[in-house]
Amino acid sequence: QVQLVESGGGLVQAGGSLRLSCLASGRTFSSYTMGWFRQAPGKEREFVASITWSSSTYYADSVKGRFTISRDNAKKTVYLQMNSLKPEDTGVYYCAVRRGAQYDDWGQGTQVTVSS
């Protein structure tokens, strides 16, 4: 099992930026695909972005061009740089690790609130 701890959330005005971090435990972090998900109040959790072991990246259409996912294997950390934030980006952001066909382990989440 991989333990994940997110940080970097907060309150920001529309148009602003935040950078989320997710620190992982485990010796084989570099082998995993890492993902970011979010859940808005009253809505289901949705995919935001992912990065593979080879640093290939994937994004939800709603965040393309505004968010950037990256990883630092030496620090066992994955980042989500969020620019041009919108009120609809508000939610709890979760980091997750995929060791097989699905995401296996999840962090506890960090709150992001974007005011209009």
N, C-alpha and C. Protein backbone atom coordinates (compact mmCIF):
# COMPACT_ATOMS: atom_id res chain seq x y z
N GLN A 1 0.84 -1.19 0.00
CA GLN A 1 0.00 0.00 0.00
C GLN A 1 0.88 1.25 0.00
N VAL A 2 0.44 2.25 -0.74
CA VAL A 2 1.15 3.52 -0.81
C VAL A 2 0.36 4.57 -0.04
N GLN A 3 1.04 5.29 0.82
CA GLN A 3 0.39 6.38 1.53
C GLN A 3 0.65 7.69 0.82
N LEU A 4 -0.39 8.49 0.72
CA LEU A 4 -0.33 9.74 -0.03
C LEU A 4 -0.80 10.89 0.84
N VAL A 5 -0.08 11.99 0.79
CA VAL A 5 -0.45 13.17 1.56
C VAL A 5 -0.44 14.39 0.64
N GLU A 6 -1.62 14.98 0.46
CA GLU A 6 -1.75 16.17 -0.39
C GLU A 6 -1.56 17.43 0.43
N SER A 7 -1.12 18.48 -0.25
CA SER A 7 -1.00 19.80 0.37
C SER A 7 -1.08 20.86 -0.71
N GLY A 8 -1.26 22.11 -0.27
CA GLY A 8 -1.23 23.22 -1.22
C GLY A 8 -2.58 23.83 -1.56
N GLY A 9 -3.65 23.23 -1.05
CA GLY A 9 -4.96 23.80 -1.32
C GLY A 9 -5.16 25.12 -0.59
N GLY A 10 -6.27 25.78 -0.91
CA GLY A 10 -6.57 27.05 -0.25
C GLY A 10 -7.65 27.80 -0.97
N LEU A 11 -7.78 29.08 -0.59
CA LEU A 11 -8.77 29.98 -1.18
C LEU A 11 -8.05 30.93 -2.12
N VAL A 12 -8.57 31.05 -3.34
CA VAL A 12 -7.95 31.92 -4.33
C VAL A 12 -9.04 32.58 -5.17
N GLN A 13 -8.76 33.76 -5.67
CA GLN A 13 -9.72 34.43 -6.53
C GLN A 13 -9.66 33.85 -7.94
N ALA A 14 -10.76 33.99 -8.65
CA ALA A 14 -10.81 33.55 -10.04
C ALA A 14 -9.68 34.21 -10.82
N GLY A 15 -9.03 33.41 -11.66
CA GLY A 15 -7.88 33.89 -12.41
C GLY A 15 -6.55 33.64 -11.74
N GLY A 16 -6.60 33.26 -10.48
CA GLY A 16 -5.38 33.02 -9.73
C GLY A 16 -4.81 31.64 -9.95
N SER A 17 -3.76 31.33 -9.18
CA SER A 17 -3.05 30.06 -9.34
C SER A 17 -2.81 29.39 -7.98
N LEU A 18 -2.70 28.08 -8.03
CA LEU A 18 -2.30 27.28 -6.88
C LEU A 18 -1.46 26.12 -7.39
N ARG A 19 -0.59 25.63 -6.53
CA ARG A 19 0.15 24.42 -6.85
C ARG A 19 -0.08 23.40 -5.76
N LEU A 20 -0.63 22.28 -6.14
CA LEU A 20 -0.85 21.18 -5.21
C LEU A 20 0.33 20.22 -5.25
N SER A 21 0.61 19.63 -4.10
CA SER A 21 1.68 18.63 -4.00
C SER A 21 1.11 17.36 -3.38
N CYS A 22 1.69 16.25 -3.76
CA CYS A 22 1.28 14.96 -3.20
C CYS A 22 2.55 14.15 -2.92
N LEU A 23 2.80 13.93 -1.65
CA LEU A 23 3.98 13.18 -1.22
C LEU A 23 3.59 11.72 -1.01
N ALA A 24 4.36 10.82 -1.63
CA ALA A 24 4.05 9.40 -1.56
C ALA A 24 5.10 8.64 -0.76
N SER A 25 4.64 7.56 -0.14
CA SER A 25 5.57 6.64 0.52
C SER A 25 5.85 5.51 -0.46
N GLY A 26 6.75 4.63 -0.09
CA GLY A 26 7.01 3.48 -0.95
C GLY A 26 8.29 3.63 -1.74
N ARG A 27 8.91 2.50 -2.01
CA ARG A 27 10.22 2.52 -2.65
C ARG A 27 10.15 2.55 -4.16
N THR A 28 8.99 2.24 -4.75
CA THR A 28 8.90 2.15 -6.20
C THR A 28 7.98 3.21 -6.78
N PHE A 29 8.00 4.37 -6.19
CA PHE A 29 7.15 5.47 -6.65
C PHE A 29 7.32 5.72 -8.13
N SER A 30 8.54 5.67 -8.62
CA SER A 30 8.82 6.02 -10.01
C SER A 30 8.16 5.07 -11.00
N SER A 31 7.72 3.91 -10.53
CA SER A 31 7.11 2.92 -11.42
C SER A 31 5.60 3.14 -11.61
N TYR A 32 5.02 4.01 -10.83
CA TYR A 32 3.56 4.13 -10.79
C TYR A 32 3.05 5.27 -11.66
N THR A 33 1.83 5.07 -12.15
CA THR A 33 1.07 6.19 -12.70
C THR A 33 0.40 6.91 -11.54
N MET A 34 0.50 8.22 -11.55
CA MET A 34 -0.10 9.04 -10.49
C MET A 34 -1.20 9.90 -11.11
N GLY A 35 -2.25 10.11 -10.34
CA GLY A 35 -3.36 10.90 -10.85
C GLY A 35 -3.89 11.90 -9.84
N TRP A 36 -4.53 12.91 -10.37
CA TRP A 36 -5.27 13.88 -9.56
C TRP A 36 -6.74 13.81 -9.95
N PHE A 37 -7.57 13.81 -8.94
CA PHE A 37 -9.02 13.80 -9.11
C PHE A 37 -9.59 14.92 -8.25
N ARG A 38 -10.84 15.28 -8.50
CA ARG A 38 -11.49 16.28 -7.66
C ARG A 38 -12.96 15.94 -7.49
N GLN A 39 -13.51 16.45 -6.40
CA GLN A 39 -14.93 16.24 -6.14
C GLN A 39 -15.53 17.54 -5.64
N ALA A 40 -16.47 18.05 -6.41
CA ALA A 40 -17.19 19.26 -6.03
C ALA A 40 -18.38 18.88 -5.16
N PRO A 41 -18.87 19.81 -4.35
CA PRO A 41 -20.03 19.51 -3.49
C PRO A 41 -21.21 19.00 -4.30
N GLY A 42 -21.76 17.87 -3.88
CA GLY A 42 -22.93 17.31 -4.54
C GLY A 42 -22.66 16.63 -5.87
N LYS A 43 -21.39 16.49 -6.21
CA LYS A 43 -21.05 15.86 -7.49
C LYS A 43 -20.14 14.66 -7.26
N GLU A 44 -20.04 13.83 -8.28
CA GLU A 44 -19.16 12.67 -8.20
C GLU A 44 -17.70 13.09 -8.41
N ARG A 45 -16.82 12.27 -7.90
CA ARG A 45 -15.40 12.53 -8.10
C ARG A 45 -15.07 12.37 -9.58
N GLU A 46 -14.24 13.27 -10.09
CA GLU A 46 -13.91 13.23 -11.51
C GLU A 46 -12.40 13.30 -11.72
N PHE A 47 -11.98 12.74 -12.82
CA PHE A 47 -10.57 12.74 -13.21
C PHE A 47 -10.14 14.15 -13.61
N VAL A 48 -8.92 14.52 -13.19
CA VAL A 48 -8.37 15.82 -13.56
C VAL A 48 -7.15 15.64 -14.46
N ALA A 49 -6.17 14.85 -13.99
CA ALA A 49 -4.94 14.69 -14.75
C ALA A 49 -4.19 13.46 -14.24
N SER A 50 -3.31 12.93 -15.10
CA SER A 50 -2.48 11.81 -14.70
C SER A 50 -1.13 11.90 -15.38
N ILE A 51 -0.16 11.21 -14.78
CA ILE A 51 1.18 11.17 -15.33
C ILE A 51 1.74 9.77 -15.14
N THR A 52 2.26 9.20 -16.21
CA THR A 52 2.77 7.83 -16.15
C THR A 52 4.21 7.81 -15.64
N TRP A 53 4.73 6.59 -15.53
CA TRP A 53 6.10 6.43 -15.04
C TRP A 53 7.10 7.09 -16.01
N SER A 54 6.73 7.17 -17.29
CA SER A 54 7.59 7.78 -18.31
C SER A 54 7.25 9.25 -18.54
N SER A 55 6.40 9.80 -17.65
CA SER A 55 6.01 11.20 -17.69
C SER A 55 5.10 11.58 -18.86
N SER A 56 4.41 10.60 -19.42
CA SER A 56 3.32 10.95 -20.34
C SER A 56 2.17 11.51 -19.52
N THR A 57 1.54 12.55 -20.03
CA THR A 57 0.49 13.22 -19.25
C THR A 57 -0.85 13.19 -19.98
N TYR A 58 -1.91 13.21 -19.18
CA TYR A 58 -3.28 13.20 -19.69
C TYR A 58 -4.10 14.17 -18.85
N TYR A 59 -5.04 14.85 -19.51
CA TYR A 59 -5.83 15.86 -18.83
C TYR A 59 -7.31 15.75 -19.20
N ALA A 60 -8.14 16.11 -18.25
CA ALA A 60 -9.55 16.29 -18.56
C ALA A 60 -9.68 17.51 -19.47
N ASP A 61 -10.65 17.48 -20.35
CA ASP A 61 -10.85 18.59 -21.28
C ASP A 61 -11.05 19.91 -20.55
N SER A 62 -11.68 19.83 -19.39
CA SER A 62 -12.02 21.06 -18.66
C SER A 62 -10.81 21.78 -18.10
N VAL A 63 -9.65 21.10 -18.03
CA VAL A 63 -8.48 21.74 -17.44
C VAL A 63 -7.32 21.87 -18.42
N LYS A 64 -7.47 21.34 -19.62
CA LYS A 64 -6.39 21.41 -20.61
C LYS A 64 -6.00 22.86 -20.88
N GLY A 65 -4.70 23.09 -20.89
CA GLY A 65 -4.20 24.43 -21.14
C GLY A 65 -4.11 25.30 -19.90
N ARG A 66 -4.70 24.84 -18.79
CA ARG A 66 -4.66 25.62 -17.54
C ARG A 66 -3.91 24.89 -16.44
N PHE A 67 -4.01 23.58 -16.41
CA PHE A 67 -3.37 22.77 -15.36
C PHE A 67 -2.19 22.00 -15.95
N THR A 68 -1.17 21.78 -15.12
CA THR A 68 -0.01 20.99 -15.53
C THR A 68 0.35 20.02 -14.42
N ILE A 69 0.42 18.75 -14.76
CA ILE A 69 0.84 17.73 -13.81
C ILE A 69 2.31 17.40 -14.06
N SER A 70 3.05 17.20 -12.98
CA SER A 70 4.46 16.85 -13.10
C SER A 70 4.84 15.98 -11.91
N ARG A 71 6.04 15.39 -12.00
CA ARG A 71 6.49 14.54 -10.90
C ARG A 71 7.98 14.71 -10.68
N ASP A 72 8.38 14.50 -9.45
CA ASP A 72 9.79 14.50 -9.06
C ASP A 72 10.02 13.17 -8.35
N ASN A 73 10.58 12.22 -9.06
CA ASN A 73 10.74 10.88 -8.49
C ASN A 73 11.71 10.86 -7.31
N ALA A 74 12.70 11.71 -7.35
CA ALA A 74 13.66 11.76 -6.23
C ALA A 74 12.97 12.20 -4.94
N LYS A 75 11.99 13.06 -5.07
CA LYS A 75 11.25 13.54 -3.90
C LYS A 75 9.96 12.77 -3.66
N LYS A 76 9.67 11.80 -4.53
CA LYS A 76 8.44 11.00 -4.42
C LYS A 76 7.22 11.90 -4.34
N THR A 77 7.21 12.89 -5.19
CA THR A 77 6.15 13.90 -5.16
C THR A 77 5.59 14.13 -6.54
N VAL A 78 4.28 14.29 -6.61
CA VAL A 78 3.62 14.68 -7.84
C VAL A 78 2.95 16.02 -7.59
N TYR A 79 2.97 16.86 -8.60
CA TYR A 79 2.46 18.23 -8.48
C TYR A 79 1.31 18.46 -9.46
N LEU A 80 0.48 19.41 -9.10
CA LEU A 80 -0.55 19.89 -10.02
C LEU A 80 -0.53 21.41 -9.97
N GLN A 81 0.02 22.00 -11.02
CA GLN A 81 0.04 23.46 -11.15
C GLN A 81 -1.27 23.89 -11.79
N MET A 82 -2.00 24.74 -11.10
CA MET A 82 -3.32 25.16 -11.57
C MET A 82 -3.31 26.66 -11.81
N ASN A 83 -3.48 27.06 -13.05
CA ASN A 83 -3.50 28.47 -13.43
C ASN A 83 -4.88 28.85 -13.97
N SER A 84 -5.13 30.13 -14.04
CA SER A 84 -6.41 30.65 -14.57
C SER A 84 -7.59 29.93 -13.93
N LEU A 85 -7.55 29.84 -12.63
CA LEU A 85 -8.59 29.10 -11.91
C LEU A 85 -9.96 29.73 -12.06
N LYS A 86 -10.96 28.87 -12.09
CA LYS A 86 -12.35 29.29 -12.24
C LYS A 86 -13.16 28.81 -11.03
N PRO A 87 -14.27 29.44 -10.74
CA PRO A 87 -15.10 28.97 -9.62
C PRO A 87 -15.49 27.51 -9.76
N GLU A 88 -15.67 27.04 -10.97
CA GLU A 88 -16.04 25.63 -11.17
C GLU A 88 -14.91 24.66 -10.90
N ASP A 89 -13.71 25.17 -10.62
CA ASP A 89 -12.61 24.31 -10.20
C ASP A 89 -12.66 24.01 -8.71
N THR A 90 -13.57 24.63 -8.01
CA THR A 90 -13.70 24.42 -6.57
C THR A 90 -14.03 22.96 -6.26
N GLY A 91 -13.37 22.43 -5.22
CA GLY A 91 -13.64 21.07 -4.80
C GLY A 91 -12.51 20.54 -3.95
N VAL A 92 -12.66 19.30 -3.53
CA VAL A 92 -11.59 18.61 -2.82
C VAL A 92 -10.77 17.86 -3.87
N TYR A 93 -9.49 18.09 -3.84
CA TYR A 93 -8.58 17.48 -4.81
C TYR A 93 -7.86 16.31 -4.14
N TYR A 94 -7.90 15.17 -4.83
CA TYR A 94 -7.30 13.94 -4.32
C TYR A 94 -6.17 13.48 -5.23
N CYS A 95 -5.14 12.98 -4.59
CA CYS A 95 -4.05 12.33 -5.29
C CYS A 95 -4.27 10.82 -5.21
N ALA A 96 -3.91 10.10 -6.26
CA ALA A 96 -4.09 8.65 -6.26
C ALA A 96 -2.97 7.99 -7.04
N VAL A 97 -2.72 6.72 -6.71
CA VAL A 97 -1.69 5.95 -7.39
C VAL A 97 -2.32 4.74 -8.06
N ARG A 98 -1.86 4.47 -9.27
CA ARG A 98 -2.36 3.32 -10.01
C ARG A 98 -1.23 2.33 -10.20
N ARG A 99 -1.36 1.21 -9.53
CA ARG A 99 -0.33 0.17 -9.65
C ARG A 99 -0.76 -0.93 -10.61
N GLY A 100 -2.06 -0.98 -10.90
CA GLY A 100 -2.58 -1.99 -11.81
C GLY A 100 -3.52 -1.35 -12.80
N ALA A 101 -4.69 -1.96 -12.95
CA ALA A 101 -5.66 -1.47 -13.91
C ALA A 101 -6.49 -0.30 -13.38
N GLN A 102 -6.46 -0.09 -12.08
CA GLN A 102 -7.26 0.98 -11.50
C GLN A 102 -6.44 1.69 -10.43
N TYR A 103 -6.98 2.80 -9.98
CA TYR A 103 -6.30 3.55 -8.92
C TYR A 103 -6.55 2.85 -7.58
N ASP A 104 -5.45 2.53 -6.91
CA ASP A 104 -5.52 1.66 -5.74
C ASP A 104 -5.54 2.41 -4.42
N ASP A 105 -4.72 3.43 -4.31
CA ASP A 105 -4.57 4.14 -3.05
C ASP A 105 -4.84 5.62 -3.25
N TRP A 106 -5.44 6.21 -2.24
CA TRP A 106 -5.89 7.60 -2.33
C TRP A 106 -5.43 8.38 -1.10
N GLY A 107 -5.17 9.66 -1.32
CA GLY A 107 -4.91 10.55 -0.20
C GLY A 107 -6.21 11.02 0.41
N GLN A 108 -6.09 11.84 1.44
CA GLN A 108 -7.28 12.33 2.14
C GLN A 108 -7.85 13.59 1.50
N GLY A 109 -7.11 14.18 0.60
CA GLY A 109 -7.64 15.33 -0.13
C GLY A 109 -7.22 16.67 0.43
N THR A 110 -7.26 17.68 -0.44
CA THR A 110 -7.00 19.05 -0.04
C THR A 110 -8.04 19.95 -0.70
N GLN A 111 -8.56 20.89 0.08
CA GLN A 111 -9.66 21.73 -0.41
C GLN A 111 -9.13 22.88 -1.25
N VAL A 112 -9.75 23.06 -2.41
CA VAL A 112 -9.48 24.21 -3.27
C VAL A 112 -10.78 24.98 -3.44
N THR A 113 -10.74 26.26 -3.12
CA THR A 113 -11.92 27.11 -3.27
C THR A 113 -11.56 28.31 -4.12
N VAL A 114 -12.29 28.50 -5.20
CA VAL A 114 -12.05 29.61 -6.11
C VAL A 114 -13.24 30.56 -6.02
N SER A 115 -12.99 31.77 -5.60
CA SER A 115 -14.06 32.75 -5.45
C SER A 115 -14.20 33.58 -6.73
N SER A 116 -15.42 33.99 -7.00
CA SER A 116 -15.68 34.77 -8.22
C SER A 116 -15.55 36.26 -7.96
